[in-house]
């Protein structure tokens, strides 16, 4: 007797499965850690990219060129399997996954941050300097508040994309949502049903983030509606 094309009971059972639920939590954890690490490194790379020192600028450009120009899948394989064979540096699965995601994400976030800073009119900085503000104060009180509002939408889109991009780490056996789905498929042979469940989980995660992103954008829009300079200047 042929197996039916769709198993509704199997689909419903795994829609509320703890094994997949914890895989989704792992996906969220990877996303949060990667966006925080990528943002911190991205700020550094963006500032290096804008440095007046040519060697520093060239290094930042080279970094961005490498990590934006090669697939994340290749980067993960190099980190997890290539480095141990070539130079004996070994990372655990989670270390390799986080390192690959952070390094890759930082290259994209660096350009987003740099674009946000450059989008602030130069006259704003000149006005701050005319008021006697130091370059650090100009960056803190004038440039960054305006740049933040500019970069939040693309930054939010990066988080949305990263929630799905974490699935690539399944190739190095990182047990996030997709990897756990594949494990269940090998055991239960419910291919379409389990992939559909995984798709629903990803849709829920990205939809929830979309709600959060809208609130963040609204909040920052109000918070920086007026730029406040430090007192005494």
Protein backbone atom coordinates (compact mmCIF):
# COMPACT_ATOMS: atom_id res chain seq x y z
CA UNK A 1 0.00 0.00 0.00
CA UNK A 2 1.39 3.40 -0.99
CA UNK A 3 1.98 5.98 1.68
CA UNK A 4 -0.42 8.91 1.53
CA UNK A 5 1.00 12.11 0.04
CA UNK A 6 0.44 14.15 3.20
CA UNK A 7 0.32 12.98 6.79
CA UNK A 8 -1.83 15.45 8.72
CA UNK A 9 -1.32 13.73 12.07
CA UNK A 10 2.45 13.80 11.64
CA UNK A 11 2.34 17.46 10.63
CA UNK A 12 0.26 18.41 13.68
CA UNK A 13 2.38 16.36 16.07
CA UNK A 14 5.63 18.02 15.01
CA UNK A 15 4.12 21.48 14.83
CA UNK A 16 4.28 21.49 18.63
CA UNK A 17 7.36 19.34 19.07
CA UNK A 18 9.85 20.16 21.85
CA UNK A 19 12.81 18.98 19.76
CA UNK A 20 12.02 21.52 17.03
CA UNK A 21 11.05 24.18 19.56
CA UNK A 22 14.50 24.06 21.15
CA UNK A 23 15.98 24.15 17.66
CA UNK A 24 14.09 27.41 17.10
CA UNK A 25 15.48 28.75 20.39
CA UNK A 26 18.97 27.87 19.17
CA UNK A 27 18.24 29.79 15.97
CA UNK A 28 17.21 32.81 18.02
CA UNK A 29 20.32 32.52 20.18
CA UNK A 30 22.59 32.34 17.14
CA UNK A 31 20.87 35.37 15.64
CA UNK A 32 21.13 37.49 18.79
CA UNK A 33 24.78 36.59 19.43
CA UNK A 34 25.72 37.09 15.78
CA UNK A 35 24.00 40.45 15.43
CA UNK A 36 25.58 41.76 18.65
CA UNK A 37 29.04 40.52 17.70
CA UNK A 38 28.61 41.60 14.08
CA UNK A 39 27.43 45.06 15.13
CA UNK A 40 30.38 45.58 17.49
CA UNK A 41 32.88 44.44 14.87
CA UNK A 42 30.98 46.28 12.14
CA UNK A 43 31.34 49.61 13.97
CA UNK A 44 35.09 49.07 14.21
CA UNK A 45 35.38 48.14 10.53
CA UNK A 46 33.21 51.11 9.50
CA UNK A 47 35.41 53.55 11.45
CA UNK A 48 38.52 51.92 9.98
CA UNK A 49 36.98 52.28 6.52
CA UNK A 50 36.62 56.03 7.15
CA UNK A 51 40.08 56.43 8.68
CA UNK A 52 42.46 58.97 7.09
CA UNK A 53 45.23 56.37 7.43
CA UNK A 54 45.45 54.51 4.13
CA UNK A 55 46.71 51.15 5.51
CA UNK A 56 43.80 51.07 7.95
CA UNK A 57 41.33 51.92 5.20
CA UNK A 58 42.82 49.31 2.88
CA UNK A 59 42.56 46.62 5.56
CA UNK A 60 38.88 47.46 6.14
CA UNK A 61 38.19 47.43 2.40
CA UNK A 62 39.95 44.08 2.05
CA UNK A 63 37.96 42.60 4.93
CA UNK A 64 34.66 43.75 3.45
CA UNK A 65 35.68 42.53 -0.02
CA UNK A 66 36.54 39.06 1.27
CA UNK A 67 33.51 38.45 3.47
CA UNK A 68 30.94 40.02 1.14
CA UNK A 69 32.44 38.43 -1.94
CA UNK A 70 32.50 34.80 -0.77
CA UNK A 71 29.56 32.59 0.30
CA UNK A 72 28.93 32.16 4.00
CA UNK A 73 28.80 28.40 3.39
CA UNK A 74 32.40 28.43 2.14
CA UNK A 75 33.50 30.58 5.08
CA UNK A 76 31.93 28.17 7.57
CA UNK A 77 33.57 25.17 5.93
CA UNK A 78 36.97 26.88 5.97
CA UNK A 79 36.60 27.76 9.66
CA UNK A 80 35.27 24.39 10.76
CA UNK A 81 37.09 21.93 8.50
CA UNK A 82 39.80 23.88 6.67
CA UNK A 83 41.62 25.53 9.58
CA UNK A 84 42.09 22.28 11.56
CA UNK A 85 43.65 20.60 8.52
CA UNK A 86 45.75 23.57 7.47
CA UNK A 87 47.07 25.05 10.72
CA UNK A 88 45.63 22.86 13.46
CA UNK A 89 43.20 25.47 14.81
CA UNK A 90 40.03 23.67 15.91
CA UNK A 91 36.70 25.17 16.86
CA UNK A 92 33.65 23.47 18.29
CA UNK A 93 30.51 23.49 16.17
CA UNK A 94 28.97 26.41 18.03
CA UNK A 95 32.25 28.36 18.04
CA UNK A 96 32.67 27.88 14.29
CA UNK A 97 29.03 28.80 13.64
CA UNK A 98 29.21 31.99 15.69
CA UNK A 99 32.61 32.99 14.32
CA UNK A 100 31.47 32.53 10.73
CA UNK A 101 28.18 34.37 11.24
CA UNK A 102 29.78 37.28 13.11
CA UNK A 103 32.63 37.77 10.64
CA UNK A 104 30.24 37.62 7.69
CA UNK A 105 27.60 39.86 9.24
CA UNK A 106 30.16 42.46 10.31
CA UNK A 107 31.16 43.05 6.69
CA UNK A 108 27.59 43.95 5.75
CA UNK A 109 26.84 45.93 8.90
CA UNK A 110 30.06 47.95 8.47
CA UNK A 111 28.79 49.29 5.15
CA UNK A 112 25.36 50.01 6.62
CA UNK A 113 26.91 51.93 9.52
CA UNK A 114 29.34 53.81 7.28
CA UNK A 115 26.52 54.79 4.94
CA UNK A 116 24.46 56.04 7.87
CA UNK A 117 27.29 58.20 9.16
CA UNK A 118 28.03 59.62 5.70
CA UNK A 119 24.33 60.37 5.20
CA UNK A 120 24.43 62.97 7.99
CA UNK A 121 25.06 66.36 6.30
CA UNK A 122 28.57 67.70 6.87
CA UNK A 123 27.03 70.99 7.91
CA UNK A 124 25.75 69.32 11.08
CA UNK A 125 29.28 68.41 12.13
CA UNK A 126 30.59 71.85 11.21
CA UNK A 127 27.88 73.48 13.31
CA UNK A 128 28.84 71.34 16.28
CA UNK A 129 32.50 72.27 15.92
CA UNK A 130 31.54 75.92 15.66
CA UNK A 131 29.82 75.57 19.03
CA UNK A 132 33.06 74.33 20.54
CA UNK A 133 32.30 70.61 20.64
CA UNK A 134 35.16 68.16 20.41
CA UNK A 135 35.16 65.63 17.55
CA UNK A 136 34.04 62.93 20.01
CA UNK A 137 31.16 65.11 21.20
CA UNK A 138 30.16 65.88 17.62
CA UNK A 139 30.05 62.16 16.87
CA UNK A 140 28.14 61.35 20.05
CA UNK A 141 25.60 64.15 20.20
CA UNK A 142 25.11 65.11 16.56
CA UNK A 143 26.24 62.46 14.07
CA UNK A 144 25.38 59.18 15.81
CA UNK A 145 21.80 60.08 16.86
CA UNK A 146 20.96 61.00 13.26
CA UNK A 147 22.90 58.08 11.80
CA UNK A 148 21.13 55.68 14.17
CA UNK A 149 17.73 56.59 12.76
CA UNK A 150 19.08 56.02 9.26
CA UNK A 151 20.65 52.60 9.93
CA UNK A 152 17.86 51.08 12.03
CA UNK A 153 15.66 49.98 9.07
CA UNK A 154 18.48 48.21 7.16
CA UNK A 155 19.83 46.86 10.45
CA UNK A 156 16.40 45.41 11.20
CA UNK A 157 16.34 43.82 7.76
CA UNK A 158 19.73 42.27 8.53
CA UNK A 159 18.29 40.65 11.65
CA UNK A 160 15.39 39.31 9.62
CA UNK A 161 17.78 37.84 7.08
CA UNK A 162 20.07 36.46 9.77
CA UNK A 163 17.20 34.50 11.33
CA UNK A 164 17.04 32.55 8.08
CA UNK A 165 20.75 32.59 7.30
CA UNK A 166 21.51 30.66 10.50
CA UNK A 167 20.09 27.61 8.70
CA UNK A 168 23.35 27.43 6.72
CA UNK A 169 25.16 26.41 9.91
CA UNK A 170 23.35 23.05 9.63
CA UNK A 171 26.08 21.99 7.17
CA UNK A 172 28.58 21.85 10.05
CA UNK A 173 26.05 19.98 12.23
CA UNK A 174 24.92 22.98 14.26
CA UNK A 175 21.63 21.78 15.75
CA UNK A 176 19.51 24.80 14.99
CA UNK A 177 15.99 24.56 13.56
CA UNK A 178 16.84 23.24 10.10
CA UNK A 179 19.37 20.68 11.34
CA UNK A 180 16.90 19.29 13.86
CA UNK A 181 14.28 19.14 11.14
CA UNK A 182 16.67 17.10 8.99
CA UNK A 183 17.37 14.75 11.90
CA UNK A 184 13.65 14.07 12.34
CA UNK A 185 13.21 13.54 8.61
CA UNK A 186 15.89 10.85 8.67
CA UNK A 187 14.05 9.12 11.52
CA UNK A 188 10.40 9.61 10.54
CA UNK A 189 10.55 10.00 6.71
CA UNK A 190 8.00 12.84 6.86
CA UNK A 191 9.88 15.04 4.41
CA UNK A 192 7.24 17.50 3.24
CA UNK A 193 5.45 17.67 6.57
CA UNK A 194 8.57 18.46 8.58
CA UNK A 195 9.93 20.98 6.12
CA UNK A 196 6.51 22.67 6.21
CA UNK A 197 6.71 22.80 10.00
CA UNK A 198 10.20 24.33 9.80
CA UNK A 199 8.92 26.92 7.31
CA UNK A 200 6.12 27.85 9.71
CA UNK A 201 8.61 28.27 12.55
CA UNK A 202 10.74 30.60 10.40
CA UNK A 203 7.64 32.56 9.39
CA UNK A 204 6.67 33.00 13.04
CA UNK A 205 10.16 34.16 14.00
CA UNK A 206 10.44 36.68 11.15
CA UNK A 207 6.91 37.95 11.72
CA UNK A 208 7.55 38.52 15.42
CA UNK A 209 10.77 40.32 14.59
CA UNK A 210 8.92 42.52 12.09
CA UNK A 211 6.62 43.67 14.90
CA UNK A 212 9.61 44.38 17.16
CA UNK A 213 11.42 46.23 14.38
CA UNK A 214 8.46 48.52 13.74
CA UNK A 215 8.31 49.44 17.41
CA UNK A 216 12.04 50.10 17.56
CA UNK A 217 11.86 52.34 14.50
CA UNK A 218 8.93 54.27 16.00
CA UNK A 219 10.69 54.68 19.33
CA UNK A 220 13.98 55.90 17.86
CA UNK A 221 12.09 58.25 15.57
CA UNK A 222 10.58 59.93 18.62
CA UNK A 223 13.70 59.76 20.77
CA UNK A 224 15.82 61.61 18.24
CA UNK A 225 13.21 63.95 16.85
CA UNK A 226 15.25 66.72 18.44
CA UNK A 227 19.02 66.52 18.81
CA UNK A 228 20.13 67.61 22.28
CA UNK A 229 23.54 69.13 22.72
CA UNK A 230 25.46 68.86 26.02
CA UNK A 231 24.89 71.71 28.44
CA UNK A 232 27.50 74.36 28.87
CA UNK A 233 28.44 74.66 25.15
